[in-house]
Amino acid sequence: MWNYSEKVKDHFFNPRNAGVLEAPDGVGEVGSIACGDALKLMIKVDPADTTITDARFQTFGCGSAIASSSALTEMIIGKTVDEALVVTNQDIAAYLGGLPPEKMHCSVMGAEALRAAIANFRGEALDEDDDEDGALVCKCFGITEGLLGRAIRTNALTSVEQVTAYTKAGGSCATCQDKIEMVLADVNAEMVGEGLLETAKAFRYRGRGLGASAPTPPAKLPPAKLSPKPAAPVAESTPIPAGPMTMVKKIKIIQAAIDELRPTFQRDGGDVELVDVDGDTVSVVLSGACVDCSMSSFTLSLVQEKLSEKLGRLIRVVPTTDGA
């Protein structure tokens, strides 16, 4: 199980500035629900001095995504757009008292949404297919060369596993691993030349970056995983049946985990029921207070976090209108 700071828990269970901002001056959207993470950041800017007077967010993702988005809005309100633009994902993580390595991509998503919202305010086009941000590297998660480069530089990343943890690139089909390695090698080489990275720590790839003349490429890394840790132990109330993880056993664990959460939602006038399990995608029906747009995101994120913890792997939870 990942260790979360008290501040992360506080921003998850008590998110600040969640919801829709009427008539925003700038909007930044990153990710997609299909990828398992999505964030929409809205800002209101005083035209007199470009101070951000209000900020709201809507997010679909894990608890760390909600906490990072909540923290980001607190950090940028009161800053000018120029001051806000220098906020990095490391600043967001530090504000929260740190994030597990496997969850750093949530802070990167926040920094990217902020960059997009400010660009939108200034009337600048930012699109994943825009030449200015480079070519699309990871189609599964919509990660461009530009986003990879910023994440690598800001966090001094030197391995493909780190790049995946911070951006999710390569964390699905892994067919983009060669492209990730090329970008990583090029950016690391630039960082070495600028004195930002020790030569010995730089990632090397045949024909790219440092050591371009090396006779053979480095050994191929196995496809990176978002959650390389073994399955986290579950509570005694949700025992994992012995033997191989069959679909029946998997459904029993998922149902038991949802049953543990239901009393919490029911106390607030809502409920959630399991409908279907298709691989690592779990369909649920929300009812009562949980159907409200701001609460539905919170409910789905909480269920997703719980199931991912119980099964020791990334689980996607989606709402459906089909009856249980």
C-alpha atoms as a PDB file:
ATOM      1  CA  MET A   1       0.000   0.000   0.000  1.00  0.00           C
ATOM      2  CA  TRP A   2       1.254   3.478  -0.853  1.00  0.00           C
ATOM      3  CA  ASN A   3       2.047   5.863   1.980  1.00  0.00           C
ATOM      4  CA  TYR A   4       0.230   9.191   1.752  1.00  0.00           C
ATOM      5  CA  SER A   5       0.934  12.308   3.793  1.00  0.00           C
ATOM      6  CA  GLU A   6      -1.788  13.734   6.007  1.00  0.00           C
ATOM      7  CA  LYS A   7      -2.016  16.711   3.661  1.00  0.00           C
ATOM      8  CA  VAL A   8      -2.696  14.446   0.678  1.00  0.00           C
ATOM      9  CA  LYS A   9      -5.458  12.716   2.643  1.00  0.00           C
ATOM     10  CA  ASP A  10      -6.909  16.059   3.705  1.00  0.00           C
ATOM     11  CA  HIS A  11      -7.055  17.401   0.142  1.00  0.00           C
ATOM     12  CA  PHE A  12      -8.528  14.113  -1.072  1.00  0.00           C
ATOM     13  CA  PHE A  13     -11.301  13.886   1.500  1.00  0.00           C
ATOM     14  CA  ASN A  14     -11.825  17.674   1.655  1.00  0.00           C
ATOM     15  CA  PRO A  15     -10.975  18.971  -1.830  1.00  0.00           C
ATOM     16  CA  ARG A  16     -10.732  22.739  -2.203  1.00  0.00           C
ATOM     17  CA  ASN A  17     -12.234  24.599  -5.152  1.00  0.00           C
ATOM     18  CA  ALA A  18     -13.808  21.545  -6.802  1.00  0.00           C
ATOM     19  CA  GLY A  19     -16.521  22.203  -9.350  1.00  0.00           C
ATOM     20  CA  VAL A  20     -17.297  24.441 -12.297  1.00  0.00           C
ATOM     21  CA  LEU A  21     -16.128  28.055 -12.585  1.00  0.00           C
ATOM     22  CA  GLU A  22     -18.642  30.226 -14.392  1.00  0.00           C
ATOM     23  CA  ALA A  23     -17.257  32.250 -17.311  1.00  0.00           C
ATOM     24  CA  PRO A  24     -13.585  31.341 -16.788  1.00  0.00           C
ATOM     25  CA  ASP A  25     -10.875  33.401 -18.437  1.00  0.00           C
ATOM     26  CA  GLY A  26      -8.704  30.380 -19.064  1.00  0.00           C
ATOM     27  CA  VAL A  27      -9.334  26.637 -19.277  1.00  0.00           C
ATOM     28  CA  GLY A  28      -6.776  23.850 -19.397  1.00  0.00           C
ATOM     29  CA  GLU A  29      -7.697  20.221 -20.029  1.00  0.00           C
ATOM     30  CA  VAL A  30      -5.282  17.288 -19.933  1.00  0.00           C
ATOM     31  CA  GLY A  31      -5.712  13.520 -20.078  1.00  0.00           C
ATOM     32  CA  SER A  32      -8.942  11.712 -20.841  1.00  0.00           C
ATOM     33  CA  ILE A  33     -11.372   9.479 -18.966  1.00  0.00           C
ATOM     34  CA  ALA A  34     -10.484   6.710 -21.416  1.00  0.00           C
ATOM     35  CA  CYS A  35      -6.915   6.865 -20.095  1.00  0.00           C
ATOM     36  CA  GLY A  36      -8.052   6.701 -16.485  1.00  0.00           C
ATOM     37  CA  ASP A  37      -7.029  10.267 -15.583  1.00  0.00           C
ATOM     38  CA  ALA A  38      -8.440  13.597 -16.715  1.00  0.00           C
ATOM     39  CA  LEU A  39      -8.216  17.126 -15.323  1.00  0.00           C
ATOM     40  CA  LYS A  40      -9.982  20.339 -16.281  1.00  0.00           C
ATOM     41  CA  LEU A  41      -8.589  23.478 -14.631  1.00  0.00           C
ATOM     42  CA  MET A  42     -10.474  26.782 -14.862  1.00  0.00           C
ATOM     43  CA  ILE A  43      -9.055  30.159 -13.843  1.00  0.00           C
ATOM     44  CA  LYS A  44     -10.465  33.655 -13.397  1.00  0.00           C
ATOM     45  CA  VAL A  45      -7.958  36.460 -14.040  1.00  0.00           C
ATOM     46  CA  ASP A  46      -8.105  40.148 -13.068  1.00  0.00           C
ATOM     47  CA  PRO A  47      -7.360  41.999 -16.336  1.00  0.00           C
ATOM     48  CA  ALA A  48      -5.836  44.941 -14.464  1.00  0.00           C
ATOM     49  CA  ASP A  49      -2.840  43.069 -13.062  1.00  0.00           C
ATOM     50  CA  THR A  50      -3.329  39.483 -14.398  1.00  0.00           C
ATOM     51  CA  THR A  51      -3.796  38.147 -10.872  1.00  0.00           C
ATOM     52  CA  ILE A  52      -5.588  34.806 -10.666  1.00  0.00           C
ATOM     53  CA  THR A  53      -8.581  35.612  -8.471  1.00  0.00           C
ATOM     54  CA  ASP A  54     -10.257  32.207  -8.568  1.00  0.00           C
ATOM     55  CA  ALA A  55      -9.554  28.680  -9.754  1.00  0.00           C
ATOM     56  CA  ARG A  56     -11.706  25.571  -9.912  1.00  0.00           C
ATOM     57  CA  PHE A  57     -11.139  22.036 -11.087  1.00  0.00           C
ATOM     58  CA  GLN A  58     -12.917  18.912 -12.232  1.00  0.00           C
ATOM     59  CA  THR A  59     -10.949  15.687 -12.249  1.00  0.00           C
ATOM     60  CA  PHE A  60     -11.404  12.004 -12.896  1.00  0.00           C
ATOM     61  CA  GLY A  61      -8.694   9.891 -11.370  1.00  0.00           C
ATOM     62  CA  CYS A  62      -7.266   8.531  -8.161  1.00  0.00           C
ATOM     63  CA  GLY A  63      -7.090  10.241  -4.777  1.00  0.00           C
ATOM     64  CA  SER A  64      -3.669  11.682  -5.625  1.00  0.00           C
ATOM     65  CA  ALA A  65      -5.129  13.316  -8.740  1.00  0.00           C
ATOM     66  CA  ILE A  66      -7.842  14.988  -6.663  1.00  0.00           C
ATOM     67  CA  ALA A  67      -5.354  16.068  -3.990  1.00  0.00           C
ATOM     68  CA  SER A  68      -2.908  17.442  -6.576  1.00  0.00           C
ATOM     69  CA  SER A  69      -5.662  19.399  -8.341  1.00  0.00           C
ATOM     70  CA  SER A  70      -6.998  20.765  -5.067  1.00  0.00           C
ATOM     71  CA  ALA A  71      -3.528  21.810  -3.926  1.00  0.00           C
ATOM     72  CA  LEU A  72      -2.796  23.458  -7.263  1.00  0.00           C
ATOM     73  CA  THR A  73      -5.816  25.755  -7.022  1.00  0.00           C
ATOM     74  CA  GLU A  74      -4.751  26.875  -3.552  1.00  0.00           C
ATOM     75  CA  MET A  75      -1.221  27.507  -4.768  1.00  0.00           C
ATOM     76  CA  ILE A  76      -2.110  29.696  -7.750  1.00  0.00           C
ATOM     77  CA  ILE A  77      -4.974  31.841  -6.395  1.00  0.00           C
ATOM     78  CA  GLY A  78      -3.471  35.239  -5.634  1.00  0.00           C
ATOM     79  CA  LYS A  79      -0.545  34.801  -8.015  1.00  0.00           C
ATOM     80  CA  THR A  80      -0.162  36.579 -11.347  1.00  0.00           C
ATOM     81  CA  VAL A  81      -0.234  34.346 -14.396  1.00  0.00           C
ATOM     82  CA  ASP A  82       3.523  34.821 -14.792  1.00  0.00           C
ATOM     83  CA  GLU A  83       4.097  33.751 -11.190  1.00  0.00           C
ATOM     84  CA  ALA A  84       1.765  30.784 -11.576  1.00  0.00           C
ATOM     85  CA  LEU A  85       3.477  29.670 -14.769  1.00  0.00           C
ATOM     86  CA  VAL A  86       6.670  28.823 -12.880  1.00  0.00           C
ATOM     87  CA  VAL A  87       4.835  26.402 -10.560  1.00  0.00           C
ATOM     88  CA  THR A  88       6.156  22.891 -11.282  1.00  0.00           C
ATOM     89  CA  ASN A  89       4.888  19.438 -10.479  1.00  0.00           C
ATOM     90  CA  GLN A  90       7.642  19.230  -7.846  1.00  0.00           C
ATOM     91  CA  ASP A  91       6.135  22.310  -6.172  1.00  0.00           C
ATOM     92  CA  ILE A  92       2.722  20.624  -6.116  1.00  0.00           C
ATOM     93  CA  ALA A  93       4.150  17.427  -4.618  1.00  0.00           C
ATOM     94  CA  ALA A  94       6.132  19.391  -2.034  1.00  0.00           C
ATOM     95  CA  TYR A  95       3.025  21.389  -1.083  1.00  0.00           C
ATOM     96  CA  LEU A  96       1.296  18.089  -0.332  1.00  0.00           C
ATOM     97  CA  GLY A  97       4.175  16.789   1.742  1.00  0.00           C
ATOM     98  CA  GLY A  98       5.275  14.437  -1.023  1.00  0.00           C
ATOM     99  CA  LEU A  99       3.649  11.841  -3.272  1.00  0.00           C
ATOM    100  CA  PRO A 100       4.518   8.171  -3.826  1.00  0.00           C
ATOM    101  CA  PRO A 101       6.699   7.739  -6.954  1.00  0.00           C
ATOM    102  CA  GLU A 102       3.877   5.803  -8.619  1.00  0.00           C
ATOM    103  CA  LYS A 103       1.586   8.830  -8.172  1.00  0.00           C
ATOM    104  CA  MET A 104       3.882  11.629  -9.352  1.00  0.00           C
ATOM    105  CA  HIS A 105       2.115  11.635 -12.721  1.00  0.00           C
ATOM    106  CA  CYS A 106      -0.817  13.280 -10.908  1.00  0.00           C
ATOM    107  CA  SER A 107       1.305  16.323 -10.063  1.00  0.00           C
ATOM    108  CA  VAL A 108       2.632  16.427 -13.633  1.00  0.00           C
ATOM    109  CA  MET A 109      -0.959  16.422 -14.888  1.00  0.00           C
ATOM    110  CA  GLY A 110      -1.692  19.423 -12.653  1.00  0.00           C
ATOM    111  CA  ALA A 111       1.314  21.382 -13.936  1.00  0.00           C
ATOM    112  CA  GLU A 112       0.353  20.617 -17.540  1.00  0.00           C
ATOM    113  CA  ALA A 113      -3.264  21.712 -16.967  1.00  0.00           C
ATOM    114  CA  LEU A 114      -2.001  24.983 -15.463  1.00  0.00           C
ATOM    115  CA  ARG A 115       0.250  25.574 -18.466  1.00  0.00           C
ATOM    116  CA  ALA A 116      -2.681  24.908 -20.805  1.00  0.00           C
ATOM    117  CA  ALA A 117      -5.064  27.179 -18.851  1.00  0.00           C
ATOM    118  CA  ILE A 118      -2.621  30.092 -18.946  1.00  0.00           C
ATOM    119  CA  ALA A 119      -1.995  29.537 -22.656  1.00  0.00           C
ATOM    120  CA  ASN A 120      -5.762  29.569 -23.204  1.00  0.00           C
ATOM    121  CA  PHE A 121      -6.051  32.827 -21.235  1.00  0.00           C
ATOM    122  CA  ARG A 122      -3.345  34.378 -23.403  1.00  0.00           C
ATOM    123  CA  GLY A 123      -4.973  33.163 -26.586  1.00  0.00           C
ATOM    124  CA  GLU A 124      -2.168  30.742 -27.379  1.00  0.00           C
ATOM    125  CA  ALA A 125      -3.025  27.404 -28.959  1.00  0.00           C
ATOM    126  CA  LEU A 126      -1.737  24.353 -27.148  1.00  0.00           C
ATOM    127  CA  ASP A 127      -2.647  21.045 -28.708  1.00  0.00           C
ATOM    128  CA  GLU A 128      -1.091  17.624 -28.370  1.00  0.00           C
ATOM    129  CA  ASP A 129      -0.600  17.605 -32.158  1.00  0.00           C
ATOM    130  CA  ASP A 130       0.895  21.124 -32.204  1.00  0.00           C
ATOM    131  CA  ASP A 131       4.409  21.106 -33.674  1.00  0.00           C
ATOM    132  CA  GLU A 132       5.428  23.451 -30.851  1.00  0.00           C
ATOM    133  CA  ASP A 133       4.967  20.648 -28.337  1.00  0.00           C
ATOM    134  CA  GLY A 134       6.539  18.014 -30.516  1.00  0.00           C
ATOM    135  CA  ALA A 135       5.260  14.764 -31.925  1.00  0.00           C
ATOM    136  CA  LEU A 136       2.918  12.411 -30.107  1.00  0.00           C
ATOM    137  CA  VAL A 137       5.001   9.741 -28.369  1.00  0.00           C
ATOM    138  CA  CYS A 138       2.498   7.703 -26.343  1.00  0.00           C
ATOM    139  CA  LYS A 139      -0.865   7.322 -28.093  1.00  0.00           C
ATOM    140  CA  CYS A 140      -2.441   5.473 -25.160  1.00  0.00           C
ATOM    141  CA  PHE A 141      -2.097   8.471 -22.837  1.00  0.00           C
ATOM    142  CA  GLY A 142      -1.661  11.326 -25.329  1.00  0.00           C
ATOM    143  CA  ILE A 143       1.902  12.154 -24.205  1.00  0.00           C
ATOM    144  CA  THR A 144       3.942  14.430 -26.489  1.00  0.00           C
ATOM    145  CA  GLU A 145       7.675  14.995 -26.794  1.00  0.00           C
ATOM    146  CA  GLY A 146       7.219  18.383 -25.153  1.00  0.00           C
ATOM    147  CA  LEU A 147       5.462  16.988 -22.101  1.00  0.00           C
ATOM    148  CA  LEU A 148       8.098  14.259 -21.741  1.00  0.00           C
ATOM    149  CA  GLY A 149      10.889  16.793 -22.020  1.00  0.00           C
ATOM    150  CA  ARG A 150       9.404  19.046 -19.350  1.00  0.00           C
ATOM    151  CA  ALA A 151       8.844  16.133 -16.972  1.00  0.00           C
ATOM    152  CA  ILE A 152      12.376  14.798 -17.535  1.00  0.00           C
ATOM    153  CA  ARG A 153      13.971  18.202 -16.967  1.00  0.00           C
ATOM    154  CA  THR A 154      11.872  19.249 -13.980  1.00  0.00           C
ATOM    155  CA  ASN A 155      12.365  15.958 -12.160  1.00  0.00           C
ATOM    156  CA  ALA A 156      15.835  14.978 -13.445  1.00  0.00           C
ATOM    157  CA  LEU A 157      14.528  11.642 -14.729  1.00  0.00           C
ATOM    158  CA  THR A 158      17.125   9.186 -16.018  1.00  0.00           C
ATOM    159  CA  SER A 159      15.252   5.906 -16.605  1.00  0.00           C
ATOM    160  CA  VAL A 160      12.261   4.720 -18.592  1.00  0.00           C
ATOM    161  CA  GLU A 161      10.625   3.459 -15.392  1.00  0.00           C
ATOM    162  CA  GLN A 162      10.831   6.942 -13.904  1.00  0.00           C
ATOM    163  CA  VAL A 163       9.381   8.507 -17.056  1.00  0.00           C
ATOM    164  CA  THR A 164       6.433   6.108 -16.887  1.00  0.00           C
ATOM    165  CA  ALA A 165       5.817   6.830 -13.200  1.00  0.00           C
ATOM    166  CA  TYR A 166       5.851  10.587 -13.813  1.00  0.00           C
ATOM    167  CA  THR A 167       3.886  10.710 -17.090  1.00  0.00           C
ATOM    168  CA  LYS A 168       2.289   7.238 -17.589  1.00  0.00           C
ATOM    169  CA  ALA A 169       3.920   7.122 -21.046  1.00  0.00           C
ATOM    170  CA  GLY A 170       4.634   3.492 -21.906  1.00  0.00           C
ATOM    171  CA  GLY A 171       2.479   2.228 -19.078  1.00  0.00           C
ATOM    172  CA  SER A 172      -0.114   0.539 -21.270  1.00  0.00           C
ATOM    173  CA  CYS A 173       0.893  -1.243 -24.484  1.00  0.00           C
ATOM    174  CA  ALA A 174       4.587  -0.250 -24.182  1.00  0.00           C
ATOM    175  CA  THR A 175       4.965   0.015 -27.984  1.00  0.00           C
ATOM    176  CA  CYS A 176       6.304   3.553 -27.561  1.00  0.00           C
ATOM    177  CA  GLN A 177       9.277   2.495 -25.423  1.00  0.00           C
ATOM    178  CA  ASP A 178      11.820   3.114 -28.183  1.00  0.00           C
ATOM    179  CA  LYS A 179      10.491   6.656 -28.657  1.00  0.00           C
ATOM    180  CA  ILE A 180      10.599   7.267 -24.905  1.00  0.00           C
ATOM    181  CA  GLU A 181      14.205   6.085 -24.790  1.00  0.00           C
ATOM    182  CA  MET A 182      15.148   8.424 -27.646  1.00  0.00           C
ATOM    183  CA  VAL A 183      13.544  11.468 -26.006  1.00  0.00           C
ATOM    184  CA  LEU A 184      15.072  10.561 -22.642  1.00  0.00           C
ATOM    185  CA  ALA A 185      18.544  10.200 -24.165  1.00  0.00           C
ATOM    186  CA  ASP A 186      18.279  13.499 -26.061  1.00  0.00           C
ATOM    187  CA  VAL A 187      17.008  15.502 -23.095  1.00  0.00           C
ATOM    188  CA  ASN A 188      19.552  13.956 -20.700  1.00  0.00           C
ATOM    189  CA  ALA A 189      22.320  14.851 -23.153  1.00  0.00           C
ATOM    190  CA  GLU A 190      21.085  18.456 -23.246  1.00  0.00           C
ATOM    191  CA  MET A 191      20.969  18.539 -19.447  1.00  0.00           C
ATOM    192  CA  VAL A 192      24.555  17.267 -19.226  1.00  0.00           C
ATOM    193  CA  GLY A 193      25.659  19.981 -21.669  1.00  0.00           C
ATOM    194  CA  GLU A 194      23.907  22.606 -19.533  1.00  0.00           C
ATOM    195  CA  GLY A 195      25.463  21.305 -16.325  1.00  0.00           C
ATOM    196  CA  LEU A 196      22.119  20.128 -14.959  1.00  0.00           C
ATOM    197  CA  LEU A 197      22.953  16.420 -14.856  1.00  0.00           C
ATOM    198  CA  GLU A 198      26.054  14.354 -14.178  1.00  0.00           C
ATOM    199  CA  THR A 199      27.369  12.547 -17.229  1.00  0.00           C
ATOM    200  CA  ALA A 200      27.440   9.201 -15.417  1.00  0.00           C
ATOM    201  CA  LYS A 201      23.711   9.445 -14.632  1.00  0.00           C
ATOM    202  CA  ALA A 202      22.544  10.272 -18.173  1.00  0.00           C
ATOM    203  CA  PHE A 203      20.470   7.706 -20.028  1.00  0.00           C
ATOM    204  CA  ARG A 204      22.151   6.409 -23.174  1.00  0.00           C
ATOM    205  CA  TYR A 205      20.566   5.077 -26.326  1.00  0.00           C
ATOM    206  CA  ARG A 206      22.314   3.957 -29.503  1.00  0.00           C
ATOM    207  CA  GLY A 207      22.375   6.722 -32.073  1.00  0.00           C
ATOM    208  CA  ARG A 208      20.920   9.313 -29.662  1.00  0.00           C
ATOM    209  CA  GLY A 209      22.232  11.565 -26.915  1.00  0.00           C
ATOM    210  CA  LEU A 210      25.445  10.686 -25.100  1.00  0.00           C
ATOM    211  CA  GLY A 211      27.279   7.605 -26.269  1.00  0.00           C
ATOM    212  CA  ALA A 212      25.658   7.825 -29.705  1.00  0.00           C
ATOM    213  CA  SER A 213      28.495   5.850 -31.214  1.00  0.00           C
ATOM    214  CA  ALA A 214      28.128   2.951 -28.816  1.00  0.00           C
ATOM    215  CA  PRO A 215      28.284  -0.340 -30.779  1.00  0.00           C
ATOM    216  CA  THR A 216      25.231  -1.842 -29.112  1.00  0.00           C
ATOM    217  CA  PRO A 217      22.118  -0.404 -27.481  1.00  0.00           C
ATOM    218  CA  PRO A 218      21.430  -0.907 -23.788  1.00  0.00           C
ATOM    219  CA  ALA A 219      19.543  -4.041 -22.810  1.00  0.00           C
ATOM    220  CA  LYS A 220      15.837  -3.778 -23.521  1.00  0.00           C
ATOM    221  CA  LEU A 221      13.841  -2.939 -20.454  1.00  0.00           C
ATOM    222  CA  PRO A 222      10.634  -4.841 -19.789  1.00  0.00           C
ATOM    223  CA  PRO A 223       7.413  -2.887 -20.373  1.00  0.00           C
ATOM    224  CA  ALA A 224       7.051  -0.355 -17.575  1.00  0.00           C
ATOM    225  CA  LYS A 225       4.153  -0.799 -15.190  1.00  0.00           C
ATOM    226  CA  LEU A 226       2.281   1.917 -13.346  1.00  0.00           C
ATOM    227  CA  SER A 227       2.252  -0.126 -10.167  1.00  0.00           C
ATOM    228  CA  PRO A 228       5.261  -2.484 -10.046  1.00  0.00           C
ATOM    229  CA  LYS A 229       4.655  -3.333  -6.424  1.00  0.00           C
ATOM    230  CA  PRO A 230       3.109  -6.665  -5.496  1.00  0.00           C
ATOM    231  CA  ALA A 231      -0.518  -6.784  -4.537  1.00  0.00           C
ATOM    232  CA  ALA A 232      -1.141  -4.858  -1.363  1.00  0.00           C
ATOM    233  CA  PRO A 233      -2.499  -6.827   1.577  1.00  0.00           C
ATOM    234  CA  VAL A 234      -6.200  -6.339   2.035  1.00  0.00           C
ATOM    235  CA  ALA A 235      -8.188  -5.851   5.164  1.00  0.00           C
ATOM    236  CA  GLU A 236      -9.321  -8.927   7.038  1.00  0.00           C
ATOM    237  CA  SER A 237     -12.869  -8.132   6.002  1.00  0.00           C
ATOM    238  CA  THR A 238     -11.842  -8.680   2.373  1.00  0.00           C
ATOM    239  CA  PRO A 239      -9.809 -11.903   2.303  1.00  0.00           C
ATOM    240  CA  ILE A 240      -8.207 -12.896  -0.993  1.00  0.00           C
ATOM    241  CA  PRO A 241      -9.235 -16.450  -1.867  1.00  0.00           C
ATOM    242  CA  ALA A 242      -6.336 -18.884  -2.167  1.00  0.00           C
ATOM    243  CA  GLY A 243      -5.150 -20.092  -5.558  1.00  0.00           C
ATOM    244  CA  PRO A 244      -4.920 -18.403  -8.972  1.00  0.00           C
ATOM    245  CA  MET A 245      -6.763 -15.112  -9.505  1.00  0.00           C
ATOM    246  CA  THR A 246      -9.746 -16.373 -11.491  1.00  0.00           C
ATOM    247  CA  MET A 247     -12.428 -13.954 -12.650  1.00  0.00           C
ATOM    248  CA  VAL A 248     -14.806 -15.278  -9.985  1.00  0.00           C
ATOM    249  CA  LYS A 249     -12.272 -14.604  -7.225  1.00  0.00           C
ATOM    250  CA  LYS A 250     -11.498 -11.194  -8.688  1.00  0.00           C
ATOM    251  CA  ILE A 251     -15.182 -10.252  -8.684  1.00  0.00           C
ATOM    252  CA  LYS A 252     -15.525 -11.428  -5.065  1.00  0.00           C
ATOM    253  CA  ILE A 253     -12.658  -9.170  -3.991  1.00  0.00           C
ATOM    254  CA  ILE A 254     -14.092  -6.217  -5.929  1.00  0.00           C
ATOM    255  CA  GLN A 255     -17.586  -6.745  -4.508  1.00  0.00           C
ATOM    256  CA  ALA A 256     -16.238  -7.040  -0.959  1.00  0.00           C
ATOM    257  CA  ALA A 257     -14.173  -3.862  -1.354  1.00  0.00           C
ATOM    258  CA  ILE A 258     -17.192  -1.927  -2.670  1.00  0.00           C
ATOM    259  CA  ASP A 259     -19.300  -3.256   0.198  1.00  0.00           C
ATOM    260  CA  GLU A 260     -16.734  -1.809   2.622  1.00  0.00           C
ATOM    261  CA  LEU A 261     -17.159   1.632   1.047  1.00  0.00           C
ATOM    262  CA  ARG A 262     -20.945   1.657   0.698  1.00  0.00           C
ATOM    263  CA  PRO A 263     -21.735   2.635   4.321  1.00  0.00           C
ATOM    264  CA  THR A 264     -19.639   5.787   3.869  1.00  0.00           C
ATOM    265  CA  PHE A 265     -21.593   6.810   0.773  1.00  0.00           C
ATOM    266  CA  GLN A 266     -24.933   5.807   2.292  1.00  0.00           C
ATOM    267  CA  ARG A 267     -24.344   8.063   5.302  1.00  0.00           C
ATOM    268  CA  ASP A 268     -24.110  10.973   2.863  1.00  0.00           C
ATOM    269  CA  GLY A 269     -27.282   9.971   1.011  1.00  0.00           C
ATOM    270  CA  GLY A 270     -25.666   8.129  -1.883  1.00  0.00           C
ATOM    271  CA  ASP A 271     -24.768   4.604  -2.912  1.00  0.00           C
ATOM    272  CA  VAL A 272     -22.697   2.630  -5.400  1.00  0.00           C
ATOM    273  CA  GLU A 273     -23.315  -0.851  -6.802  1.00  0.00           C
ATOM    274  CA  LEU A 274     -21.163  -3.183  -8.871  1.00  0.00           C
ATOM    275  CA  VAL A 275     -22.510  -3.913 -12.374  1.00  0.00           C
ATOM    276  CA  ASP A 276     -19.761  -5.549 -14.406  1.00  0.00           C
ATOM    277  CA  VAL A 277     -16.052  -6.427 -14.485  1.00  0.00           C
ATOM    278  CA  ASP A 278     -14.270  -6.480 -17.836  1.00  0.00           C
ATOM    279  CA  GLY A 279     -10.553  -7.085 -17.365  1.00  0.00           C
ATOM    280  CA  ASP A 280      -9.298  -4.146 -15.308  1.00  0.00           C
ATOM    281  CA  THR A 281     -12.379  -2.017 -16.019  1.00  0.00           C
ATOM    282  CA  VAL A 282     -15.110  -2.049 -13.372  1.00  0.00           C
ATOM    283  CA  SER A 283     -18.570  -0.646 -14.146  1.00  0.00           C
ATOM    284  CA  VAL A 284     -20.700   0.697 -11.300  1.00  0.00           C
ATOM    285  CA  VAL A 285     -24.042   2.408 -10.856  1.00  0.00           C
ATOM    286  CA  LEU A 286     -24.182   5.538  -8.698  1.00  0.00           C
ATOM    287  CA  SER A 287     -27.344   6.654  -6.963  1.00  0.00           C
ATOM    288  CA  GLY A 288     -28.554   9.363  -4.612  1.00  0.00           C
ATOM    289  CA  ALA A 289     -26.086  12.100  -3.684  1.00  0.00           C
ATOM    290  CA  CYS A 290     -23.284  10.266  -5.507  1.00  0.00           C
ATOM    291  CA  VAL A 291     -24.882  11.123  -8.851  1.00  0.00           C
ATOM    292  CA  ASP A 292     -24.194  14.854  -8.402  1.00  0.00           C
ATOM    293  CA  CYS A 293     -21.464  15.927 -10.834  1.00  0.00           C
ATOM    294  CA  SER A 294     -19.021  17.043  -8.159  1.00  0.00           C
ATOM    295  CA  MET A 295     -19.673  14.045  -5.927  1.00  0.00           C
ATOM    296  CA  SER A 296     -19.611  11.468  -8.728  1.00  0.00           C
ATOM    297  CA  SER A 297     -15.965  12.209  -9.501  1.00  0.00           C
ATOM    298  CA  PHE A 298     -15.084  11.924  -5.823  1.00  0.00           C
ATOM    299  CA  THR A 299     -17.029   8.659  -5.442  1.00  0.00           C
ATOM    300  CA  LEU A 300     -15.512   7.050  -8.534  1.00  0.00           C
ATOM    301  CA  SER A 301     -12.009   8.109  -7.512  1.00  0.00           C
ATOM    302  CA  LEU A 302     -12.436   6.673  -4.032  1.00  0.00           C
ATOM    303  CA  VAL A 303     -13.724   3.355  -5.417  1.00  0.00           C
ATOM    304  CA  GLN A 304     -10.938   3.242  -7.991  1.00  0.00           C
ATOM    305  CA  GLU A 305      -8.277   3.885  -5.358  1.00  0.00           C
ATOM    306  CA  LYS A 306      -9.735   1.207  -3.097  1.00  0.00           C
ATOM    307  CA  LEU A 307      -9.908  -1.443  -5.818  1.00  0.00           C
ATOM    308  CA  SER A 308      -6.416  -0.664  -7.099  1.00  0.00           C
ATOM    309  CA  GLU A 309      -5.111  -1.059  -3.556  1.00  0.00           C
ATOM    310  CA  LYS A 310      -6.930  -4.352  -3.002  1.00  0.00           C
ATOM    311  CA  LEU A 311      -5.853  -5.918  -6.290  1.00  0.00           C
ATOM    312  CA  GLY A 312      -2.367  -4.415  -6.389  1.00  0.00           C
ATOM    313  CA  ARG A 313      -2.810  -3.030  -9.924  1.00  0.00           C
ATOM    314  CA  LEU A 314      -4.384  -0.071 -11.683  1.00  0.00           C
ATOM    315  CA  ILE A 315      -8.157  -0.508 -11.893  1.00  0.00           C
ATOM    316  CA  ARG A 316     -10.383   1.788 -13.947  1.00  0.00           C
ATOM    317  CA  VAL A 317     -13.848   2.475 -12.532  1.00  0.00           C
ATOM    318  CA  VAL A 318     -16.507   3.853 -14.879  1.00  0.00           C
ATOM    319  CA  PRO A 319     -20.126   4.831 -14.249  1.00  0.00           C
ATOM    320  CA  THR A 320     -22.974   3.242 -16.181  1.00  0.00           C
ATOM    321  CA  THR A 321     -26.734   3.717 -16.316  1.00  0.00           C
ATOM    322  CA  ASP A 322     -27.377   0.008 -16.719  1.00  0.00           C
ATOM    323  CA  GLY A 323     -29.062  -1.607 -13.746  1.00  0.00           C
ATOM    324  CA  ALA A 324     -27.167  -3.957 -11.491  1.00  0.00           C
END
